[in-house]
Amino acid sequence: MQSKIMDMRFEVSENEEHGAVLKISDVELADEFDDFLNASCYVFSDIRLESDCVYFYFGQAGCIEKVRDLLERFKKQ
């Protein structure tokens, strides 16, 4: 049950302007994900912080499938 709750905090989408986009609705969890990207994956992303969520922009070279793969790796750690 915990994993389903955690999954609802993640939203992966893609748009023409930013490419692959990940929205995390928990700022603390987003910080952990950012550490994971930097320390374990060496993946570049642009980050936008809002009051209740964080957006990770992976650019036109990113794709939804790759972002979902990163999320699965993050959840397994």
Protein backbone atom coordinates (compact mmCIF):
# COMPACT_ATOMS: atom_id res chain seq x y z
CA MET A 1 0.00 0.00 0.00
CA GLN A 2 2.84 2.42 0.81
CA SER A 3 4.23 2.15 -2.73
CA LYS A 4 0.86 3.16 -4.22
CA ILE A 5 0.77 6.26 -2.02
CA MET A 6 4.33 7.07 -3.02
CA ASP A 7 3.51 6.57 -6.72
CA MET A 8 0.75 9.18 -6.57
CA ARG A 9 3.39 11.76 -5.70
CA PHE A 10 5.04 11.33 -9.12
CA GLU A 11 3.64 12.56 -12.42
CA VAL A 12 5.57 12.07 -15.66
CA SER A 13 4.56 13.97 -18.76
CA GLU A 14 6.01 15.29 -21.98
CA ASN A 15 5.43 18.57 -23.75
CA GLU A 16 6.73 20.23 -26.86
CA GLU A 17 8.56 23.05 -25.08
CA HIS A 18 10.31 21.13 -22.27
CA GLY A 19 10.41 17.52 -23.41
CA ALA A 20 10.13 15.01 -20.54
CA VAL A 21 8.87 16.54 -17.28
CA LEU A 22 8.61 14.97 -13.84
CA LYS A 23 6.43 16.55 -11.16
CA ILE A 24 7.00 15.41 -7.57
CA SER A 25 4.33 16.55 -5.11
CA ASP A 26 6.55 16.18 -2.04
CA VAL A 27 9.41 18.66 -1.70
CA GLU A 28 11.45 16.43 0.64
CA LEU A 29 11.10 13.45 -1.70
CA ALA A 30 12.06 15.68 -4.64
CA ASP A 31 15.26 16.62 -2.81
CA GLU A 32 16.08 12.92 -2.37
CA PHE A 33 15.37 12.30 -6.05
CA ASP A 34 17.66 15.20 -7.01
CA ASP A 35 20.44 13.70 -4.87
CA PHE A 36 19.84 10.35 -6.58
CA LEU A 37 20.09 11.93 -10.05
CA ASN A 38 23.31 13.73 -9.18
CA ALA A 39 25.09 11.05 -7.16
CA SER A 40 23.97 7.82 -8.80
CA CYS A 41 22.92 8.62 -12.35
CA TYR A 42 24.74 11.80 -13.39
CA VAL A 43 21.58 12.93 -15.19
CA PHE A 44 21.14 16.63 -15.90
CA SER A 45 17.76 18.29 -15.29
CA ASP A 46 16.48 21.79 -14.80
CA ILE A 47 14.47 22.18 -11.58
CA ARG A 48 11.60 24.50 -10.77
CA LEU A 49 10.40 24.68 -7.18
CA GLU A 50 6.82 25.65 -6.41
CA SER A 51 5.09 25.90 -3.04
CA ASP A 52 3.83 22.31 -2.95
CA CYS A 53 5.79 20.50 -5.65
CA VAL A 54 8.99 20.36 -7.69
CA TYR A 55 9.28 20.06 -11.47
CA PHE A 56 12.25 18.33 -13.11
CA TYR A 57 12.72 19.22 -16.78
CA PHE A 58 14.81 16.73 -18.73
CA GLY A 59 14.71 18.55 -22.06
CA GLN A 60 14.03 17.42 -25.60
CA ALA A 61 16.61 14.61 -25.35
CA GLY A 62 14.65 13.04 -22.47
CA CYS A 63 11.67 10.78 -22.94
CA ILE A 64 8.90 9.51 -20.68
CA GLU A 65 10.20 5.93 -20.71
CA LYS A 66 13.66 6.95 -19.52
CA VAL A 67 12.20 9.12 -16.74
CA ARG A 68 9.99 6.23 -15.62
CA ASP A 69 13.06 3.97 -15.58
CA LEU A 70 14.86 6.49 -13.37
CA LEU A 71 11.87 6.55 -11.01
CA GLU A 72 11.87 2.76 -10.73
CA ARG A 73 15.59 2.76 -9.92
CA PHE A 74 15.02 5.49 -7.32
CA LYS A 75 12.18 3.58 -5.65
CA LYS A 76 14.28 0.40 -5.42
CA GLN A 77 17.20 2.05 -3.64
